[in-house]
Amino acid sequence: MPDFPDSSLDATLDASGLNCPEPVMMLHNKVRDLPAGGLLKVIATDPSTRRDIPKFCNFLGHELLDQAEEAGSYLYWIRKKAD
């Protein structure tokens, strides 16, 4: 598991139970509310997020710090780009 304590997070997005394209749509809205350089943890259950979230980060310039799979959930740690 990545070493990002929950206390260092600016926000958490739980998209469990949602299917494409909802997790990425929610991610887009959540990232918009974060401060520049903010750290977001995303929890998802849709396997397509393994493809979609890295593409989202790459396309918009956010940094995908780490991703993991745990007990049927996909976890992502994303650093919002500095403005």
PDB file of N, CA and C in Angstrom:
ATOM      1  N   MET A   1       0.836  -1.188   0.000  1.00  0.00           N
ATOM      2  CA  MET A   1       0.000   0.000   0.000  1.00  0.00           C
ATOM      3  C   MET A   1       0.877   1.247   0.000  1.00  0.00           C
ATOM      4  N   PRO A   2       0.454   2.263  -0.693  1.00  0.00           N
ATOM      5  CA  PRO A   2       1.207   3.509  -0.713  1.00  0.00           C
ATOM      6  C   PRO A   2       1.235   4.150   0.668  1.00  0.00           C
ATOM      7  N   ASP A   3       2.223   4.968   0.881  1.00  0.00           N
ATOM      8  CA  ASP A   3       2.409   5.591   2.187  1.00  0.00           C
ATOM      9  C   ASP A   3       1.888   7.032   2.170  1.00  0.00           C
ATOM     10  N   PHE A   4       0.576   7.170   2.048  1.00  0.00           N
ATOM     11  CA  PHE A   4      -0.075   8.479   2.117  1.00  0.00           C
ATOM     12  C   PHE A   4      -1.082   8.430   3.250  1.00  0.00           C
ATOM     13  N   PRO A   5      -0.707   8.907   4.440  1.00  0.00           N
ATOM     14  CA  PRO A   5      -1.670   8.870   5.542  1.00  0.00           C
ATOM     15  C   PRO A   5      -2.890   9.729   5.209  1.00  0.00           C
ATOM     16  N   ASP A   6      -4.059   9.289   5.671  1.00  0.00           N
ATOM     17  CA  ASP A   6      -5.289  10.028   5.384  1.00  0.00           C
ATOM     18  C   ASP A   6      -5.198  11.476   5.856  1.00  0.00           C
ATOM     19  N   SER A   7      -4.383  11.734   6.874  1.00  0.00           N
ATOM     20  CA  SER A   7      -4.256  13.102   7.385  1.00  0.00           C
ATOM     21  C   SER A   7      -3.596  14.040   6.378  1.00  0.00           C
ATOM     22  N   SER A   8      -2.886  13.476   5.387  1.00  0.00           N
ATOM     23  CA  SER A   8      -2.227  14.319   4.393  1.00  0.00           C
ATOM     24  C   SER A   8      -3.128  14.608   3.194  1.00  0.00           C
ATOM     25  N   LEU A   9      -4.319  13.988   3.166  1.00  0.00           N
ATOM     26  CA  LEU A   9      -5.231  14.167   2.047  1.00  0.00           C
ATOM     27  C   LEU A   9      -5.994  15.481   2.161  1.00  0.00           C
ATOM     28  N   ASP A  10      -6.230  16.106   1.014  1.00  0.00           N
ATOM     29  CA  ASP A  10      -7.108  17.276   0.978  1.00  0.00           C
ATOM     30  C   ASP A  10      -8.557  16.849   0.788  1.00  0.00           C
ATOM     31  N   ALA A  11      -8.769  15.699   0.141  1.00  0.00           N
ATOM     32  CA  ALA A  11     -10.127  15.206  -0.101  1.00  0.00           C
ATOM     33  C   ALA A  11     -10.077  13.730  -0.467  1.00  0.00           C
ATOM     34  N   THR A  12     -11.214  13.066  -0.293  1.00  0.00           N
ATOM     35  CA  THR A  12     -11.388  11.679  -0.717  1.00  0.00           C
ATOM     36  C   THR A  12     -12.659  11.602  -1.555  1.00  0.00           C
ATOM     37  N   LEU A  13     -12.566  10.886  -2.652  1.00  0.00           N
ATOM     38  CA  LEU A  13     -13.731  10.669  -3.513  1.00  0.00           C
ATOM     39  C   LEU A  13     -14.041   9.188  -3.511  1.00  0.00           C
ATOM     40  N   ASP A  14     -15.213   8.832  -3.014  1.00  0.00           N
ATOM     41  CA  ASP A  14     -15.636   7.431  -3.004  1.00  0.00           C
ATOM     42  C   ASP A  14     -16.630   7.223  -4.147  1.00  0.00           C
ATOM     43  N   ALA A  15     -16.156   6.605  -5.221  1.00  0.00           N
ATOM     44  CA  ALA A  15     -17.002   6.318  -6.379  1.00  0.00           C
ATOM     45  C   ALA A  15     -17.367   4.836  -6.434  1.00  0.00           C
ATOM     46  N   SER A  16     -17.368   4.186  -5.288  1.00  0.00           N
ATOM     47  CA  SER A  16     -17.695   2.761  -5.212  1.00  0.00           C
ATOM     48  C   SER A  16     -19.104   2.516  -5.730  1.00  0.00           C
ATOM     49  N   GLY A  17     -19.253   1.461  -6.524  1.00  0.00           N
ATOM     50  CA  GLY A  17     -20.548   1.083  -7.040  1.00  0.00           C
ATOM     51  C   GLY A  17     -20.958   1.813  -8.306  1.00  0.00           C
ATOM     52  N   LEU A  18     -20.174   2.795  -8.721  1.00  0.00           N
ATOM     53  CA  LEU A  18     -20.489   3.558  -9.930  1.00  0.00           C
ATOM     54  C   LEU A  18     -19.718   3.005 -11.116  1.00  0.00           C
ATOM     55  N   ASN A  19     -20.321   3.073 -12.285  1.00  0.00           N
ATOM     56  CA  ASN A  19     -19.685   2.568 -13.502  1.00  0.00           C
ATOM     57  C   ASN A  19     -19.388   3.709 -14.463  1.00  0.00           C
ATOM     58  N   CYS A  20     -18.457   3.438 -15.370  1.00  0.00           N
ATOM     59  CA  CYS A  20     -18.037   4.386 -16.390  1.00  0.00           C
ATOM     60  C   CYS A  20     -19.258   4.994 -17.075  1.00  0.00           C
ATOM     61  N   PRO A  21     -19.313   6.285 -17.247  1.00  0.00           N
ATOM     62  CA  PRO A  21     -18.272   7.301 -17.037  1.00  0.00           C
ATOM     63  C   PRO A  21     -18.376   8.034 -15.704  1.00  0.00           C
ATOM     64  N   GLU A  22     -19.272   7.598 -14.805  1.00  0.00           N
ATOM     65  CA  GLU A  22     -19.526   8.354 -13.574  1.00  0.00           C
ATOM     66  C   GLU A  22     -18.291   8.608 -12.701  1.00  0.00           C
ATOM     67  N   PRO A  23     -17.415   7.619 -12.444  1.00  0.00           N
ATOM     68  CA  PRO A  23     -16.263   7.915 -11.584  1.00  0.00           C
ATOM     69  C   PRO A  23     -15.383   9.051 -12.122  1.00  0.00           C
ATOM     70  N   VAL A  24     -15.138   9.065 -13.421  1.00  0.00           N
ATOM     71  CA  VAL A  24     -14.277  10.115 -13.986  1.00  0.00           C
ATOM     72  C   VAL A  24     -15.009  11.461 -13.996  1.00  0.00           C
ATOM     73  N   MET A  25     -16.313  11.451 -14.204  1.00  0.00           N
ATOM     74  CA  MET A  25     -17.074  12.709 -14.140  1.00  0.00           C
ATOM     75  C   MET A  25     -17.024  13.286 -12.726  1.00  0.00           C
ATOM     76  N   MET A  26     -17.180  12.422 -11.733  1.00  0.00           N
ATOM     77  CA  MET A  26     -17.101  12.878 -10.337  1.00  0.00           C
ATOM     78  C   MET A  26     -15.689  13.362 -10.019  1.00  0.00           C
ATOM     79  N   LEU A  27     -14.687  12.646 -10.529  1.00  0.00           N
ATOM     80  CA  LEU A  27     -13.290  13.036 -10.320  1.00  0.00           C
ATOM     81  C   LEU A  27     -13.039  14.422 -10.895  1.00  0.00           C
ATOM     82  N   HIS A  28     -13.544  14.671 -12.075  1.00  0.00           N
ATOM     83  CA  HIS A  28     -13.349  15.969 -12.723  1.00  0.00           C
ATOM     84  C   HIS A  28     -13.904  17.092 -11.841  1.00  0.00           C
ATOM     85  N   ASN A  29     -15.086  16.897 -11.295  1.00  0.00           N
ATOM     86  CA  ASN A  29     -15.690  17.912 -10.425  1.00  0.00           C
ATOM     87  C   ASN A  29     -14.928  18.065  -9.117  1.00  0.00           C
ATOM     88  N   LYS A  30     -14.484  16.966  -8.547  1.00  0.00           N
ATOM     89  CA  LYS A  30     -13.776  17.003  -7.258  1.00  0.00           C
ATOM     90  C   LYS A  30     -12.426  17.702  -7.400  1.00  0.00           C
ATOM     91  N   VAL A  31     -11.700  17.398  -8.473  1.00  0.00           N
ATOM     92  CA  VAL A  31     -10.383  18.012  -8.690  1.00  0.00           C
ATOM     93  C   VAL A  31     -10.526  19.526  -8.836  1.00  0.00           C
ATOM     94  N   ARG A  32     -11.594  19.949  -9.477  1.00  0.00           N
ATOM     95  CA  ARG A  32     -11.827  21.381  -9.674  1.00  0.00           C
ATOM     96  C   ARG A  32     -11.896  22.125  -8.339  1.00  0.00           C
ATOM     97  N   ASP A  33     -12.413  21.468  -7.301  1.00  0.00           N
ATOM     98  CA  ASP A  33     -12.573  22.096  -5.988  1.00  0.00           C
ATOM     99  C   ASP A  33     -11.310  22.049  -5.131  1.00  0.00           C
ATOM    100  N   LEU A  34     -10.326  21.281  -5.552  1.00  0.00           N
ATOM    101  CA  LEU A  34      -9.085  21.155  -4.770  1.00  0.00           C
ATOM    102  C   LEU A  34      -8.191  22.372  -4.969  1.00  0.00           C
ATOM    103  N   PRO A  35      -7.384  22.700  -3.959  1.00  0.00           N
ATOM    104  CA  PRO A  35      -6.368  23.730  -4.170  1.00  0.00           C
ATOM    105  C   PRO A  35      -5.263  23.202  -5.084  1.00  0.00           C
ATOM    106  N   ALA A  36      -4.544  24.085  -5.738  1.00  0.00           N
ATOM    107  CA  ALA A  36      -3.412  23.668  -6.571  1.00  0.00           C
ATOM    108  C   ALA A  36      -2.451  22.853  -5.714  1.00  0.00           C
ATOM    109  N   GLY A  37      -2.017  21.712  -6.233  1.00  0.00           N
ATOM    110  CA  GLY A  37      -1.113  20.839  -5.486  1.00  0.00           C
ATOM    111  C   GLY A  37      -1.817  19.963  -4.466  1.00  0.00           C
ATOM    112  N   GLY A  38      -3.147  20.025  -4.425  1.00  0.00           N
ATOM    113  CA  GLY A  38      -3.913  19.246  -3.454  1.00  0.00           C
ATOM    114  C   GLY A  38      -3.811  17.752  -3.720  1.00  0.00           C
ATOM    115  N   LEU A  39      -3.969  16.967  -2.662  1.00  0.00           N
ATOM    116  CA  LEU A  39      -3.868  15.512  -2.749  1.00  0.00           C
ATOM    117  C   LEU A  39      -5.249  14.894  -2.582  1.00  0.00           C
ATOM    118  N   LEU A  40      -5.638  14.102  -3.558  1.00  0.00           N
ATOM    119  CA  LEU A  40      -6.954  13.463  -3.587  1.00  0.00           C
ATOM    120  C   LEU A  40      -6.792  11.948  -3.622  1.00  0.00           C
ATOM    121  N   LYS A  41      -7.573  11.264  -2.799  1.00  0.00           N
ATOM    122  CA  LYS A  41      -7.640   9.800  -2.853  1.00  0.00           C
ATOM    123  C   LYS A  41      -8.966   9.423  -3.495  1.00  0.00           C
ATOM    124  N   VAL A  42      -8.919   8.534  -4.474  1.00  0.00           N
ATOM    125  CA  VAL A  42     -10.124   8.061  -5.151  1.00  0.00           C
ATOM    126  C   VAL A  42     -10.287   6.573  -4.858  1.00  0.00           C
ATOM    127  N   ILE A  43     -11.503   6.198  -4.501  1.00  0.00           N
ATOM    128  CA  ILE A  43     -11.859   4.796  -4.261  1.00  0.00           C
ATOM    129  C   ILE A  43     -12.910   4.430  -5.302  1.00  0.00           C
ATOM    130  N   ALA A  44     -12.660   3.391  -6.072  1.00  0.00           N
ATOM    131  CA  ALA A  44     -13.594   2.983  -7.119  1.00  0.00           C
ATOM    132  C   ALA A  44     -13.685   1.462  -7.167  1.00  0.00           C
ATOM    133  N   THR A  45     -14.783   0.974  -7.738  1.00  0.00           N
ATOM    134  CA  THR A  45     -14.948  -0.469  -7.906  1.00  0.00           C
ATOM    135  C   THR A  45     -15.035  -0.855  -9.377  1.00  0.00           C
ATOM    136  N   ASP A  46     -15.134   0.110 -10.265  1.00  0.00           N
ATOM    137  CA  ASP A  46     -15.226  -0.149 -11.698  1.00  0.00           C
ATOM    138  C   ASP A  46     -13.830  -0.419 -12.259  1.00  0.00           C
ATOM    139  N   PRO A  47     -13.597  -1.618 -12.819  1.00  0.00           N
ATOM    140  CA  PRO A  47     -12.268  -1.933 -13.359  1.00  0.00           C
ATOM    141  C   PRO A  47     -11.821  -0.986 -14.465  1.00  0.00           C
ATOM    142  N   SER A  48     -12.745  -0.352 -15.165  1.00  0.00           N
ATOM    143  CA  SER A  48     -12.339   0.557 -16.244  1.00  0.00           C
ATOM    144  C   SER A  48     -11.606   1.785 -15.717  1.00  0.00           C
ATOM    145  N   THR A  49     -11.707   2.057 -14.407  1.00  0.00           N
ATOM    146  CA  THR A  49     -10.968   3.200 -13.857  1.00  0.00           C
ATOM    147  C   THR A  49      -9.458   2.982 -13.947  1.00  0.00           C
ATOM    148  N   ARG A  50      -9.034   1.713 -14.033  1.00  0.00           N
ATOM    149  CA  ARG A  50      -7.591   1.439 -14.169  1.00  0.00           C
ATOM    150  C   ARG A  50      -7.047   2.021 -15.464  1.00  0.00           C
ATOM    151  N   ARG A  51      -7.907   2.155 -16.451  1.00  0.00           N
ATOM    152  CA  ARG A  51      -7.529   2.773 -17.722  1.00  0.00           C
ATOM    153  C   ARG A  51      -7.889   4.263 -17.731  1.00  0.00           C
ATOM    154  N   ASP A  52      -9.094   4.572 -17.255  1.00  0.00           N
ATOM    155  CA  ASP A  52      -9.630   5.924 -17.390  1.00  0.00           C
ATOM    156  C   ASP A  52      -8.958   6.957 -16.499  1.00  0.00           C
ATOM    157  N   ILE A  53      -8.657   6.609 -15.257  1.00  0.00           N
ATOM    158  CA  ILE A  53      -8.080   7.603 -14.346  1.00  0.00           C
ATOM    159  C   ILE A  53      -6.651   7.976 -14.748  1.00  0.00           C
ATOM    160  N   PRO A  54      -5.781   7.020 -15.104  1.00  0.00           N
ATOM    161  CA  PRO A  54      -4.456   7.444 -15.601  1.00  0.00           C
ATOM    162  C   PRO A  54      -4.550   8.329 -16.852  1.00  0.00           C
ATOM    163  N   LYS A  55      -5.479   8.003 -17.763  1.00  0.00           N
ATOM    164  CA  LYS A  55      -5.655   8.838 -18.961  1.00  0.00           C
ATOM    165  C   LYS A  55      -6.133  10.233 -18.588  1.00  0.00           C
ATOM    166  N   PHE A  56      -7.066  10.319 -17.650  1.00  0.00           N
ATOM    167  CA  PHE A  56      -7.575  11.606 -17.171  1.00  0.00           C
ATOM    168  C   PHE A  56      -6.434  12.465 -16.631  1.00  0.00           C
ATOM    169  N   CYS A  57      -5.601  11.860 -15.774  1.00  0.00           N
ATOM    170  CA  CYS A  57      -4.484  12.595 -15.172  1.00  0.00           C
ATOM    171  C   CYS A  57      -3.495  13.056 -16.236  1.00  0.00           C
ATOM    172  N   ASN A  58      -3.156  12.172 -17.140  1.00  0.00           N
ATOM    173  CA  ASN A  58      -2.203  12.502 -18.196  1.00  0.00           C
ATOM    174  C   ASN A  58      -2.729  13.626 -19.082  1.00  0.00           C
ATOM    175  N   PHE A  59      -3.985  13.544 -19.451  1.00  0.00           N
ATOM    176  CA  PHE A  59      -4.590  14.524 -20.354  1.00  0.00           C
ATOM    177  C   PHE A  59      -4.670  15.911 -19.718  1.00  0.00           C
ATOM    178  N   LEU A  60      -4.989  15.970 -18.417  1.00  0.00           N
ATOM    179  CA  LEU A  60      -5.182  17.261 -17.751  1.00  0.00           C
ATOM    180  C   LEU A  60      -3.967  17.740 -16.972  1.00  0.00           C
ATOM    181  N   GLY A  61      -2.911  16.928 -16.937  1.00  0.00           N
ATOM    182  CA  GLY A  61      -1.666  17.371 -16.298  1.00  0.00           C
ATOM    183  C   GLY A  61      -1.590  17.154 -14.805  1.00  0.00           C
ATOM    184  N   HIS A  62      -2.504  16.348 -14.251  1.00  0.00           N
ATOM    185  CA  HIS A  62      -2.429  16.014 -12.828  1.00  0.00           C
ATOM    186  C   HIS A  62      -1.479  14.832 -12.662  1.00  0.00           C
ATOM    187  N   GLU A  63      -0.950  14.679 -11.466  1.00  0.00           N
ATOM    188  CA  GLU A  63       0.030  13.622 -11.227  1.00  0.00           C
ATOM    189  C   GLU A  63      -0.625  12.438 -10.515  1.00  0.00           C
ATOM    190  N   LEU A  64      -0.616  11.284 -11.165  1.00  0.00           N
ATOM    191  CA  LEU A  64      -1.081  10.056 -10.532  1.00  0.00           C
ATOM    192  C   LEU A  64       0.089   9.522  -9.712  1.00  0.00           C
ATOM    193  N   LEU A  65       0.033   9.754  -8.405  1.00  0.00           N
ATOM    194  CA  LEU A  65       1.159   9.399  -7.536  1.00  0.00           C
ATOM    195  C   LEU A  65       1.271   7.900  -7.334  1.00  0.00           C
ATOM    196  N   ASP A  66       0.116   7.248  -7.210  1.00  0.00           N
ATOM    197  CA  ASP A  66       0.137   5.804  -6.978  1.00  0.00           C
ATOM    198  C   ASP A  66      -1.256   5.245  -7.208  1.00  0.00           C
ATOM    199  N   GLN A  67      -1.312   3.946  -7.422  1.00  0.00           N
ATOM    200  CA  GLN A  67      -2.588   3.259  -7.511  1.00  0.00           C
ATOM    201  C   GLN A  67      -2.409   1.874  -6.918  1.00  0.00           C
ATOM    202  N   ALA A  68      -3.490   1.346  -6.374  1.00  0.00           N
ATOM    203  CA  ALA A  68      -3.431   0.044  -5.722  1.00  0.00           C
ATOM    204  C   ALA A  68      -4.797  -0.624  -5.842  1.00  0.00           C
ATOM    205  N   GLU A  69      -4.789  -1.923  -5.594  1.00  0.00           N
ATOM    206  CA  GLU A  69      -6.028  -2.687  -5.584  1.00  0.00           C
ATOM    207  C   GLU A  69      -6.126  -3.353  -4.224  1.00  0.00           C
ATOM    208  N   GLU A  70      -7.281  -3.199  -3.581  1.00  0.00           N
ATOM    209  CA  GLU A  70      -7.441  -3.744  -2.236  1.00  0.00           C
ATOM    210  C   GLU A  70      -8.881  -4.207  -2.030  1.00  0.00           C
ATOM    211  N   ALA A  71      -9.059  -5.476  -1.785  1.00  0.00           N
ATOM    212  CA  ALA A  71     -10.373  -6.052  -1.458  1.00  0.00           C
ATOM    213  C   ALA A  71     -11.452  -5.654  -2.459  1.00  0.00           C
ATOM    214  N   GLY A  72     -11.136  -5.745  -3.739  1.00  0.00           N
ATOM    215  CA  GLY A  72     -12.125  -5.458  -4.764  1.00  0.00           C
ATOM    216  C   GLY A  72     -12.302  -3.990  -5.099  1.00  0.00           C
ATOM    217  N   SER A  73     -11.523  -3.124  -4.466  1.00  0.00           N
ATOM    218  CA  SER A  73     -11.568  -1.695  -4.763  1.00  0.00           C
ATOM    219  C   SER A  73     -10.272  -1.264  -5.422  1.00  0.00           C
ATOM    220  N   TYR A  74     -10.384  -0.247  -6.252  1.00  0.00           N
ATOM    221  CA  TYR A  74      -9.220   0.349  -6.903  1.00  0.00           C
ATOM    222  C   TYR A  74      -8.987   1.706  -6.242  1.00  0.00           C
ATOM    223  N   LEU A  75      -7.763   1.922  -5.809  1.00  0.00           N
ATOM    224  CA  LEU A  75      -7.413   3.135  -5.073  1.00  0.00           C
ATOM    225  C   LEU A  75      -6.416   3.947  -5.891  1.00  0.00           C
ATOM    226  N   TYR A  76      -6.613   5.256  -5.884  1.00  0.00           N
ATOM    227  CA  TYR A  76      -5.749   6.162  -6.642  1.00  0.00           C
ATOM    228  C   TYR A  76      -5.416   7.369  -5.770  1.00  0.00           C
ATOM    229  N   TRP A  77      -4.175   7.814  -5.866  1.00  0.00           N
ATOM    230  CA  TRP A  77      -3.748   9.035  -5.187  1.00  0.00           C
ATOM    231  C   TRP A  77      -3.297  10.014  -6.252  1.00  0.00           C
ATOM    232  N   ILE A  78      -3.972  11.140  -6.311  1.00  0.00           N
ATOM    233  CA  ILE A  78      -3.760  12.105  -7.387  1.00  0.00           C
ATOM    234  C   ILE A  78      -3.376  13.451  -6.800  1.00  0.00           C
ATOM    235  N   ARG A  79      -2.328  14.039  -7.342  1.00  0.00           N
ATOM    236  CA  ARG A  79      -1.888  15.389  -6.966  1.00  0.00           C
ATOM    237  C   ARG A  79      -2.346  16.347  -8.052  1.00  0.00           C
ATOM    238  N   LYS A  80      -3.176  17.322  -7.657  1.00  0.00           N
ATOM    239  CA  LYS A  80      -3.661  18.303  -8.621  1.00  0.00           C
ATOM    240  C   LYS A  80      -2.496  19.156  -9.090  1.00  0.00           C
ATOM    241  N   LYS A  81      -2.483  19.445 -10.384  1.00  0.00           N
ATOM    242  CA  LYS A  81      -1.380  20.235 -10.932  1.00  0.00           C
ATOM    243  C   LYS A  81      -1.388  21.629 -10.300  1.00  0.00           C
ATOM    244  N   ALA A  82      -0.194  22.182 -10.189  1.00  0.00           N
ATOM    245  CA  ALA A  82      -0.079  23.562  -9.718  1.00  0.00           C
ATOM    246  C   ALA A  82      -0.528  24.481 -10.848  1.00  0.00           C
ATOM    247  N   ASP A  83      -1.268  25.503 -10.503  1.00  0.00           N
ATOM    248  CA  ASP A  83      -1.810  26.386 -11.547  1.00  0.00           C
ATOM    249  C   ASP A  83      -0.768  27.195 -12.260  1.00  0.00           C
TER     250      ASP A  83
END
